Amino acid sequence: DEAINIIKDYLLSNGYYVPSNIEVDSINGDNYLIHAYDVITNKDESHIATSGWFEVNIHTGEIKDIMNQ
């Protein structure tokens, strides 16, 4: 939960869009891999609209935006 809140605060403080879903996808070494996305539903189909992928260091809370390197 802390890593998710770090990403929400990062997005808000930088004036970025905050999607409705932000979740930990996996743990890679010392980093949480965070997926930020919305689910778009049109009639009988839906798809995921990814806003960002981030790494958050487990120990330091340092953020790396891996979509915009």
Protein backbone atom coordinates (compact mmCIF):
# COMPACT_ATOMS: atom_id res chain seq x y z
CA ASP A 1 0.00 0.00 0.00
CA GLU A 2 2.85 2.38 0.75
CA ALA A 3 4.31 2.00 -2.76
CA ILE A 4 0.89 2.72 -4.29
CA ASN A 5 0.53 5.85 -2.16
CA ILE A 6 4.03 6.96 -3.19
CA ILE A 7 2.98 6.75 -6.86
CA LYS A 8 -0.32 8.58 -6.24
CA ASP A 9 1.52 11.38 -4.43
CA TYR A 10 4.14 11.53 -7.21
CA LEU A 11 1.46 11.83 -9.91
CA LEU A 12 -0.53 14.46 -7.99
CA SER A 13 2.47 16.57 -7.01
CA ASN A 14 3.69 16.67 -10.62
CA GLY A 15 0.29 17.52 -12.10
CA TYR A 16 -0.07 14.18 -13.87
CA TYR A 17 -3.28 12.27 -14.44
CA VAL A 18 -4.08 9.80 -11.65
CA PRO A 19 -5.79 6.70 -13.10
CA SER A 20 -8.45 4.77 -11.18
CA ASN A 21 -6.23 1.68 -10.79
CA ILE A 22 -2.74 1.68 -9.34
CA GLU A 23 -1.45 -1.67 -8.18
CA VAL A 24 1.67 -3.67 -7.49
CA ASP A 25 2.25 -5.97 -10.46
CA SER A 26 5.29 -7.78 -9.07
CA ILE A 27 8.47 -7.48 -7.04
CA ASN A 28 11.74 -7.40 -8.96
CA GLY A 29 14.76 -7.48 -6.65
CA ASP A 30 14.53 -4.40 -4.42
CA ASN A 31 11.74 -2.80 -6.46
CA TYR A 32 7.98 -2.98 -6.62
CA LEU A 33 6.72 -2.86 -10.22
CA ILE A 34 3.65 -0.61 -10.20
CA HIS A 35 1.04 -0.54 -12.98
CA ALA A 36 -1.16 2.58 -13.27
CA TYR A 37 -4.16 2.17 -15.55
CA ASP A 38 -7.87 2.60 -16.27
CA VAL A 39 -10.27 -0.04 -17.51
CA ILE A 40 -12.28 1.32 -20.46
CA THR A 41 -15.60 -0.43 -21.10
CA ASN A 42 -17.64 0.00 -24.29
CA LYS A 43 -20.81 -2.06 -24.51
CA ASP A 44 -19.70 -5.72 -24.36
CA GLU A 45 -15.94 -5.20 -24.50
CA SER A 46 -13.28 -3.61 -22.38
CA HIS A 47 -9.58 -2.87 -22.50
CA ILE A 48 -6.86 -1.53 -20.26
CA ALA A 49 -5.50 1.96 -20.89
CA THR A 50 -2.08 2.10 -19.24
CA SER A 51 -1.01 5.48 -17.89
CA GLY A 52 2.32 4.35 -16.53
CA TRP A 53 4.69 1.71 -15.26
CA PHE A 54 6.86 2.60 -12.29
CA GLU A 55 9.47 1.00 -10.10
CA VAL A 56 9.48 1.95 -6.43
CA ASN A 57 12.51 0.95 -4.38
CA ILE A 58 11.37 -1.12 -1.39
CA HIS A 59 13.94 0.44 0.95
CA THR A 60 14.20 4.07 -0.18
CA GLY A 61 10.86 4.81 -1.89
CA GLU A 62 12.78 6.13 -4.91
CA ILE A 63 10.60 6.20 -8.04
CA LYS A 64 11.66 5.32 -11.56
CA ASP A 65 9.18 6.02 -14.39
CA ILE A 66 10.00 3.14 -16.72
CA MET A 67 7.72 4.28 -19.56
CA ASN A 68 9.38 7.70 -19.81
CA GLN A 69 13.08 7.03 -19.37
